[in-house]
């Protein structure tokens, strides 16, 4: 079947079988940031935005993307690079395998939650697994990033 959607701001059309998952379609389209880490919807490595909301692309059939807007890390490179600097400054980037999905969720969280508490951050990111860190560096990076972004918004307002 033909599936049409907007991928990182560009209209795409792909042929997909009825049981093809979005993760596989995105990787075939060159979105290497979208990774398969568990095949059980538990790790967060395949996180993308569907119409601006975080979703696990391994749990979505490609056909369900028809008519929607899909954003991967490749579509938010500037924002991702900015947050990535905060991760690196806190020594929280480690191997980087989980970073794309983690960053997608952090950026979505920043857009959705206003000044979240540590507990709210932990809850929002509970589906992102990192095998290298103890998460403390990541939490520090998130807090510093959010503070930086809030200050930048105040200056521009």
N, C-alpha and C. Protein backbone atom coordinates (compact mmCIF):
# COMPACT_ATOMS: atom_id res chain seq x y z
N UNK A 1 0.83 -1.18 0.00
CA UNK A 1 0.00 0.00 0.00
C UNK A 1 0.88 1.24 0.00
N UNK A 2 0.34 2.32 -0.56
CA UNK A 2 1.07 3.57 -0.58
C UNK A 2 0.76 4.34 0.71
N UNK A 3 1.82 4.84 1.35
CA UNK A 3 1.68 5.63 2.57
C UNK A 3 2.35 6.97 2.31
N UNK A 4 1.60 8.05 2.55
CA UNK A 4 2.14 9.39 2.35
C UNK A 4 2.11 10.14 3.68
N UNK A 5 3.23 10.80 3.98
CA UNK A 5 3.31 11.61 5.19
C UNK A 5 4.39 12.65 5.03
N UNK A 6 4.44 13.57 5.96
CA UNK A 6 5.47 14.59 5.96
C UNK A 6 6.56 14.12 6.90
N UNK A 7 7.77 14.03 6.38
CA UNK A 7 8.91 13.59 7.17
C UNK A 7 9.90 14.74 7.27
N UNK A 8 10.08 15.25 8.46
CA UNK A 8 11.02 16.34 8.71
C UNK A 8 10.79 17.51 7.75
N UNK A 9 9.51 17.81 7.52
CA UNK A 9 9.13 18.96 6.70
C UNK A 9 8.99 18.68 5.22
N UNK A 10 9.24 17.45 4.78
CA UNK A 10 9.15 17.13 3.36
C UNK A 10 8.12 16.02 3.13
N UNK A 11 7.32 16.19 2.11
CA UNK A 11 6.32 15.18 1.77
C UNK A 11 7.03 13.94 1.22
N UNK A 12 6.66 12.77 1.73
CA UNK A 12 7.21 11.52 1.22
C UNK A 12 6.08 10.55 0.92
N UNK A 13 6.37 9.64 0.03
CA UNK A 13 5.44 8.59 -0.32
C UNK A 13 6.23 7.29 -0.40
N UNK A 14 5.75 6.27 0.32
CA UNK A 14 6.46 4.98 0.35
C UNK A 14 5.46 3.85 0.16
N UNK A 15 5.98 2.75 -0.32
CA UNK A 15 5.20 1.52 -0.39
C UNK A 15 5.52 0.71 0.87
N UNK A 16 4.47 0.23 1.54
CA UNK A 16 4.67 -0.54 2.76
C UNK A 16 3.64 -1.65 2.84
N UNK A 17 4.07 -2.80 3.31
CA UNK A 17 3.14 -3.89 3.57
C UNK A 17 2.30 -3.53 4.79
N UNK A 18 1.21 -4.20 4.97
CA UNK A 18 0.30 -3.92 6.08
C UNK A 18 0.90 -4.13 7.45
N UNK A 19 1.93 -4.98 7.53
CA UNK A 19 2.54 -5.26 8.84
C UNK A 19 3.89 -4.55 9.04
N UNK A 20 4.23 -3.64 8.14
CA UNK A 20 5.49 -2.90 8.25
C UNK A 20 5.37 -1.83 9.33
N UNK A 21 6.37 -1.78 10.20
CA UNK A 21 6.34 -0.76 11.26
C UNK A 21 7.03 0.52 10.79
N UNK A 22 6.62 1.62 11.37
CA UNK A 22 7.15 2.92 11.00
C UNK A 22 8.66 2.99 11.18
N UNK A 23 9.18 2.39 12.21
CA UNK A 23 10.62 2.36 12.46
C UNK A 23 11.38 1.90 11.22
N UNK A 24 10.95 0.81 10.63
CA UNK A 24 11.64 0.26 9.45
C UNK A 24 11.53 1.20 8.25
N UNK A 25 10.38 1.82 8.06
CA UNK A 25 10.21 2.76 6.96
C UNK A 25 11.15 3.95 7.13
N UNK A 26 11.21 4.48 8.34
CA UNK A 26 12.05 5.65 8.60
C UNK A 26 13.53 5.33 8.37
N UNK A 27 13.97 4.18 8.82
CA UNK A 27 15.37 3.79 8.61
C UNK A 27 15.65 3.62 7.12
N UNK A 28 14.70 3.04 6.39
CA UNK A 28 14.87 2.88 4.93
C UNK A 28 14.91 4.23 4.22
N UNK A 29 14.30 5.24 4.82
CA UNK A 29 14.32 6.59 4.25
C UNK A 29 15.57 7.37 4.68
N UNK A 30 16.46 6.72 5.40
CA UNK A 30 17.73 7.35 5.78
C UNK A 30 17.76 7.99 7.15
N UNK A 31 16.74 7.81 7.93
CA UNK A 31 16.71 8.39 9.28
C UNK A 31 17.40 7.43 10.24
N UNK A 32 18.70 7.52 10.29
CA UNK A 32 19.50 6.58 11.09
C UNK A 32 19.45 6.87 12.58
N UNK A 33 18.89 8.02 12.98
CA UNK A 33 18.76 8.30 14.41
C UNK A 33 17.71 7.41 15.06
N UNK A 34 16.78 6.90 14.27
CA UNK A 34 15.71 6.05 14.77
C UNK A 34 16.25 4.63 14.84
N UNK A 35 16.33 4.11 16.07
CA UNK A 35 16.99 2.81 16.27
C UNK A 35 16.06 1.81 16.93
N UNK A 36 16.35 0.55 16.68
CA UNK A 36 15.64 -0.55 17.33
C UNK A 36 16.54 -1.06 18.44
N UNK A 37 16.08 -0.93 19.67
CA UNK A 37 16.90 -1.38 20.79
C UNK A 37 16.32 -2.55 21.54
N UNK A 38 14.99 -2.75 21.46
CA UNK A 38 14.40 -3.79 22.30
C UNK A 38 13.30 -4.60 21.61
N UNK A 39 12.63 -4.03 20.66
CA UNK A 39 11.49 -4.66 19.98
C UNK A 39 10.33 -4.96 20.93
N UNK A 40 10.31 -4.28 22.09
CA UNK A 40 9.23 -4.50 23.06
C UNK A 40 8.64 -3.19 23.57
N UNK A 41 8.91 -2.07 22.94
CA UNK A 41 8.44 -0.73 23.32
C UNK A 41 8.90 -0.32 24.72
N UNK A 42 10.08 -0.76 25.13
CA UNK A 42 10.55 -0.46 26.48
C UNK A 42 11.78 0.42 26.57
N UNK A 43 12.45 0.71 25.45
CA UNK A 43 13.75 1.38 25.58
C UNK A 43 13.75 2.84 25.14
N UNK A 44 12.84 3.24 24.26
CA UNK A 44 12.77 4.62 23.81
C UNK A 44 13.71 4.99 22.67
N UNK A 45 14.51 4.05 22.18
CA UNK A 45 15.47 4.37 21.13
C UNK A 45 14.82 4.75 19.81
N UNK A 46 13.59 4.34 19.61
CA UNK A 46 12.91 4.60 18.34
C UNK A 46 11.97 5.80 18.41
N UNK A 47 12.14 6.65 19.43
CA UNK A 47 11.23 7.78 19.63
C UNK A 47 11.28 8.77 18.47
N UNK A 48 10.11 9.11 17.98
CA UNK A 48 9.91 10.14 16.97
C UNK A 48 8.74 11.00 17.45
N UNK A 49 8.48 12.08 16.73
CA UNK A 49 7.27 12.85 17.00
C UNK A 49 6.27 12.57 15.89
N UNK A 50 5.07 12.28 16.27
CA UNK A 50 3.96 12.16 15.33
C UNK A 50 3.04 13.34 15.64
N UNK A 51 2.94 14.24 14.69
CA UNK A 51 2.18 15.47 14.87
C UNK A 51 2.60 16.19 16.15
N UNK A 52 3.92 16.18 16.41
CA UNK A 52 4.48 16.92 17.53
C UNK A 52 4.50 16.21 18.86
N UNK A 53 3.97 15.00 18.95
CA UNK A 53 3.94 14.25 20.21
C UNK A 53 4.89 13.06 20.13
N UNK A 54 5.61 12.81 21.22
CA UNK A 54 6.53 11.67 21.26
C UNK A 54 5.78 10.36 21.12
N UNK A 55 6.31 9.51 20.23
CA UNK A 55 5.73 8.19 20.02
C UNK A 55 6.86 7.21 19.73
N UNK A 56 6.64 5.97 20.03
CA UNK A 56 7.61 4.92 19.74
C UNK A 56 7.31 4.37 18.35
N UNK A 57 8.23 4.59 17.43
CA UNK A 57 7.98 4.20 16.04
C UNK A 57 7.95 2.69 15.85
N UNK A 58 8.43 1.93 16.84
CA UNK A 58 8.35 0.47 16.73
C UNK A 58 6.96 -0.04 17.07
N UNK A 59 6.12 0.85 17.62
CA UNK A 59 4.76 0.43 18.00
C UNK A 59 3.69 0.98 17.06
N UNK A 60 4.13 1.58 15.95
CA UNK A 60 3.19 2.18 15.01
C UNK A 60 3.34 1.50 13.65
N UNK A 61 2.26 1.05 13.10
CA UNK A 61 2.32 0.53 11.74
C UNK A 61 2.54 1.69 10.78
N UNK A 62 3.30 1.45 9.74
CA UNK A 62 3.59 2.49 8.76
C UNK A 62 2.31 3.08 8.21
N UNK A 63 1.31 2.26 7.99
CA UNK A 63 0.04 2.74 7.43
C UNK A 63 -0.60 3.79 8.33
N UNK A 64 -0.37 3.74 9.63
CA UNK A 64 -0.95 4.70 10.56
C UNK A 64 -0.31 6.07 10.43
N UNK A 65 0.83 6.16 9.77
CA UNK A 65 1.50 7.44 9.57
C UNK A 65 0.90 8.22 8.41
N UNK A 66 0.08 7.56 7.62
CA UNK A 66 -0.50 8.20 6.44
C UNK A 66 -1.21 9.50 6.82
N UNK A 67 -0.79 10.59 6.17
CA UNK A 67 -1.40 11.89 6.39
C UNK A 67 -0.89 12.65 7.60
N UNK A 68 0.08 12.09 8.31
CA UNK A 68 0.59 12.73 9.52
C UNK A 68 1.96 13.36 9.27
N UNK A 69 2.40 14.12 10.25
CA UNK A 69 3.72 14.72 10.21
C UNK A 69 4.63 13.96 11.17
N UNK A 70 5.72 13.44 10.65
CA UNK A 70 6.68 12.67 11.43
C UNK A 70 7.98 13.47 11.52
N UNK A 71 8.49 13.59 12.73
CA UNK A 71 9.75 14.30 12.94
C UNK A 71 10.72 13.36 13.64
N UNK A 72 11.92 13.26 13.08
CA UNK A 72 12.99 12.48 13.69
C UNK A 72 14.08 13.47 14.15
N UNK A 73 15.10 12.95 14.76
CA UNK A 73 16.20 13.80 15.22
C UNK A 73 16.79 14.59 14.06
N UNK A 74 16.80 14.00 12.88
CA UNK A 74 17.33 14.69 11.70
C UNK A 74 16.55 15.97 11.40
N UNK A 75 15.30 16.03 11.83
CA UNK A 75 14.47 17.19 11.58
C UNK A 75 14.58 18.28 12.63
N UNK A 76 15.28 18.01 13.71
CA UNK A 76 15.46 19.01 14.78
C UNK A 76 16.93 19.10 15.17
N UNK A 77 17.79 19.04 14.16
CA UNK A 77 19.23 19.00 14.41
C UNK A 77 19.75 20.16 15.24
N UNK A 78 19.28 21.36 14.96
CA UNK A 78 19.79 22.53 15.68
C UNK A 78 19.45 22.44 17.17
N UNK A 79 18.18 22.13 17.47
CA UNK A 79 17.77 21.98 18.87
C UNK A 79 18.51 20.82 19.53
N UNK A 80 18.64 19.72 18.80
CA UNK A 80 19.31 18.54 19.34
C UNK A 80 20.77 18.84 19.65
N UNK A 81 21.41 19.57 18.77
CA UNK A 81 22.82 19.93 19.00
C UNK A 81 22.95 20.81 20.23
N UNK A 82 22.02 21.73 20.38
CA UNK A 82 22.06 22.62 21.55
C UNK A 82 21.94 21.81 22.84
N UNK A 83 20.95 20.92 22.92
CA UNK A 83 20.80 20.10 24.12
C UNK A 83 21.97 19.14 24.27
N UNK A 84 22.47 18.61 23.17
CA UNK A 84 23.62 17.70 23.22
C UNK A 84 24.83 18.31 23.88
N UNK A 85 24.99 19.62 23.70
CA UNK A 85 26.09 20.33 24.36
C UNK A 85 25.93 20.27 25.87
N UNK A 86 24.70 20.41 26.34
CA UNK A 86 24.44 20.33 27.78
C UNK A 86 24.74 18.92 28.29
N UNK A 87 24.36 17.90 27.51
CA UNK A 87 24.67 16.51 27.89
C UNK A 87 26.18 16.32 27.99
N UNK A 88 26.90 16.78 26.99
CA UNK A 88 28.36 16.61 26.97
C UNK A 88 29.01 17.35 28.14
N UNK A 89 28.52 18.55 28.44
CA UNK A 89 29.10 19.32 29.54
C UNK A 89 28.90 18.65 30.90
N UNK A 90 27.89 17.82 31.00
CA UNK A 90 27.63 17.09 32.25
C UNK A 90 28.21 15.67 32.21
N UNK A 91 28.94 15.35 31.15
CA UNK A 91 29.52 14.01 31.02
C UNK A 91 28.46 12.93 30.89
N UNK A 92 27.31 13.29 30.35
CA UNK A 92 26.17 12.36 30.31
C UNK A 92 25.92 11.76 28.94
N UNK A 93 26.80 12.01 27.96
CA UNK A 93 26.53 11.47 26.63
C UNK A 93 27.00 10.03 26.49
N UNK A 94 27.96 9.60 27.27
CA UNK A 94 28.46 8.23 27.28
C UNK A 94 28.62 7.68 25.85
N UNK A 95 28.05 6.52 25.56
CA UNK A 95 28.26 5.92 24.23
C UNK A 95 27.41 6.59 23.16
N UNK A 96 26.29 7.20 23.55
CA UNK A 96 25.45 7.92 22.60
C UNK A 96 24.39 7.08 21.90
N UNK A 97 24.34 5.79 22.13
CA UNK A 97 23.39 4.94 21.42
C UNK A 97 21.94 5.34 21.74
N UNK A 98 21.67 5.66 23.00
CA UNK A 98 20.30 6.02 23.39
C UNK A 98 19.99 7.49 23.16
N UNK A 99 20.99 8.29 22.85
CA UNK A 99 20.83 9.74 22.80
C UNK A 99 19.74 10.23 21.84
N UNK A 100 19.61 9.72 20.62
CA UNK A 100 18.58 10.27 19.73
C UNK A 100 17.17 10.19 20.32
N UNK A 101 16.76 9.03 20.80
CA UNK A 101 15.43 8.89 21.39
C UNK A 101 15.28 9.73 22.64
N UNK A 102 16.31 9.75 23.47
CA UNK A 102 16.31 10.52 24.69
C UNK A 102 16.16 12.01 24.37
N UNK A 103 16.93 12.50 23.43
CA UNK A 103 16.88 13.91 23.05
C UNK A 103 15.51 14.26 22.48
N UNK A 104 14.94 13.40 21.66
CA UNK A 104 13.60 13.67 21.12
C UNK A 104 12.59 13.85 22.25
N UNK A 105 12.69 13.00 23.28
CA UNK A 105 11.76 13.12 24.40
C UNK A 105 12.02 14.36 25.24
N UNK A 106 13.28 14.71 25.44
CA UNK A 106 13.59 15.92 26.21
C UNK A 106 13.05 17.15 25.49
N UNK A 107 13.24 17.23 24.19
CA UNK A 107 12.75 18.38 23.43
C UNK A 107 11.22 18.44 23.46
N UNK A 108 10.58 17.28 23.37
CA UNK A 108 9.11 17.25 23.45
C UNK A 108 8.65 17.67 24.84
N UNK A 109 9.34 17.20 25.86
CA UNK A 109 8.99 17.54 27.23
C UNK A 109 9.09 19.04 27.45
N UNK A 110 10.13 19.65 26.92
CA UNK A 110 10.31 21.09 27.06
C UNK A 110 9.13 21.84 26.44
N UNK A 111 8.62 21.33 25.35
CA UNK A 111 7.50 21.98 24.67
C UNK A 111 6.18 21.75 25.41
N UNK A 112 6.06 20.60 26.07
CA UNK A 112 4.79 20.23 26.69
C UNK A 112 4.65 20.64 28.15
N UNK A 113 5.73 20.62 28.91
CA UNK A 113 5.64 20.89 30.34
C UNK A 113 6.28 22.24 30.68
N UNK A 114 5.63 22.97 31.54
CA UNK A 114 6.14 24.26 31.96
C UNK A 114 6.84 24.10 33.31
N UNK A 115 8.16 24.25 33.30
CA UNK A 115 8.95 24.19 34.53
C UNK A 115 8.71 22.90 35.32
N UNK A 116 8.96 21.74 34.72
CA UNK A 116 8.68 20.48 35.42
C UNK A 116 9.62 20.25 36.60
N UNK A 117 9.11 19.56 37.60
CA UNK A 117 9.91 19.16 38.75
C UNK A 117 10.78 17.96 38.36
N UNK A 118 11.73 17.63 39.21
CA UNK A 118 12.58 16.45 38.96
C UNK A 118 11.71 15.20 38.81
N UNK A 119 10.71 15.07 39.65
CA UNK A 119 9.83 13.89 39.57
C UNK A 119 9.06 13.87 38.26
N UNK A 120 8.60 15.02 37.79
CA UNK A 120 7.89 15.08 36.51
C UNK A 120 8.82 14.73 35.36
N UNK A 121 10.07 15.19 35.43
CA UNK A 121 11.07 14.86 34.40
C UNK A 121 11.31 13.36 34.39
N UNK A 122 11.51 12.78 35.55
CA UNK A 122 11.75 11.33 35.64
C UNK A 122 10.57 10.55 35.08
N UNK A 123 9.36 10.98 35.41
CA UNK A 123 8.17 10.29 34.92
C UNK A 123 8.07 10.41 33.40
N UNK A 124 8.31 11.60 32.86
CA UNK A 124 8.21 11.82 31.42
C UNK A 124 9.21 10.96 30.66
N UNK A 125 10.39 10.80 31.23
CA UNK A 125 11.46 10.08 30.55
C UNK A 125 11.60 8.63 31.01
N UNK A 126 10.62 8.12 31.72
CA UNK A 126 10.73 6.77 32.29
C UNK A 126 10.89 5.68 31.24
N UNK A 127 10.48 5.92 30.02
CA UNK A 127 10.59 4.92 28.96
C UNK A 127 11.90 4.97 28.20
N UNK A 128 12.82 5.83 28.60
CA UNK A 128 14.12 5.93 27.93
C UNK A 128 15.17 5.21 28.76
N UNK A 129 15.71 4.15 28.22
CA UNK A 129 16.74 3.39 28.92
C UNK A 129 18.13 3.77 28.44
N UNK A 130 19.03 3.92 29.39
CA UNK A 130 20.44 4.16 29.09
C UNK A 130 21.23 3.15 29.89
N UNK A 131 22.04 2.38 29.22
CA UNK A 131 22.81 1.35 29.90
C UNK A 131 24.16 1.85 30.40
N UNK A 132 24.52 3.09 30.09
CA UNK A 132 25.84 3.61 30.44
C UNK A 132 25.86 4.50 31.67
N UNK A 133 24.76 5.20 31.92
CA UNK A 133 24.79 6.22 32.96
C UNK A 133 23.92 5.86 34.14
N UNK A 134 24.03 6.65 35.17
CA UNK A 134 23.16 6.54 36.32
C UNK A 134 22.08 7.61 36.27
N UNK A 135 21.95 8.28 35.15
CA UNK A 135 20.92 9.28 34.87
C UNK A 135 21.14 10.62 35.57
N UNK A 136 22.00 10.73 36.56
CA UNK A 136 22.18 11.98 37.29
C UNK A 136 22.74 13.08 36.37
N UNK A 137 23.72 12.74 35.56
CA UNK A 137 24.27 13.70 34.61
C UNK A 137 23.22 14.15 33.61
N UNK A 138 22.39 13.22 33.17
CA UNK A 138 21.32 13.56 32.25
C UNK A 138 20.32 14.51 32.90
N UNK A 139 19.97 14.25 34.16
CA UNK A 139 19.04 15.13 34.86
C UNK A 139 19.62 16.53 35.05
N UNK A 140 20.91 16.60 35.38
CA UNK A 140 21.55 17.91 35.50
C UNK A 140 21.52 18.65 34.15
N UNK A 141 21.82 17.92 33.09
CA UNK A 141 21.82 18.53 31.76
C UNK A 141 20.43 19.05 31.40
N UNK A 142 19.40 18.27 31.70
CA UNK A 142 18.03 18.68 31.40
C UNK A 142 17.68 19.95 32.17
N UNK A 143 17.99 19.96 33.46
CA UNK A 143 17.67 21.14 34.27
C UNK A 143 18.40 22.37 33.75
N UNK A 144 19.67 22.25 33.44
CA UNK A 144 20.43 23.39 32.94
C UNK A 144 19.93 23.84 31.58
N UNK A 145 19.59 22.89 30.72
CA UNK A 145 19.05 23.22 29.40
C UNK A 145 17.73 23.98 29.55
N UNK A 146 16.83 23.47 30.39
CA UNK A 146 15.53 24.11 30.56
C UNK A 146 15.68 25.50 31.15
N UNK A 147 16.58 25.66 32.09
CA UNK A 147 16.83 26.98 32.66
C UNK A 147 17.35 27.94 31.58
N UNK A 148 18.28 27.46 30.79
CA UNK A 148 18.84 28.25 29.69
C UNK A 148 17.74 28.67 28.70
N UNK A 149 16.87 27.72 28.33
CA UNK A 149 15.81 28.01 27.37
C UNK A 149 14.79 29.00 27.95
N UNK A 150 14.46 28.85 29.22
CA UNK A 150 13.51 29.78 29.85
C UNK A 150 14.08 31.19 29.87
N UNK A 151 15.36 31.29 30.20
CA UNK A 151 15.99 32.62 30.21
C UNK A 151 16.01 33.22 28.81
N UNK A 152 16.30 32.41 27.82
CA UNK A 152 16.32 32.90 26.43
C UNK A 152 14.92 33.36 26.01
N UNK A 153 13.89 32.65 26.43
CA UNK A 153 12.51 33.05 26.10
C UNK A 153 12.14 34.36 26.78
N UNK A 154 12.59 34.53 28.03
CA UNK A 154 12.30 35.77 28.76
C UNK A 154 12.96 36.96 28.07
N UNK A 155 14.18 36.78 27.60
CA UNK A 155 14.90 37.86 26.93
C UNK A 155 14.21 38.24 25.62
N UNK A 156 13.73 37.25 24.89
CA UNK A 156 13.11 37.51 23.59
C UNK A 156 11.68 38.01 23.71
N UNK A 157 11.09 37.89 24.89
CA UNK A 157 9.67 38.30 25.07
C UNK A 157 9.51 39.78 25.28
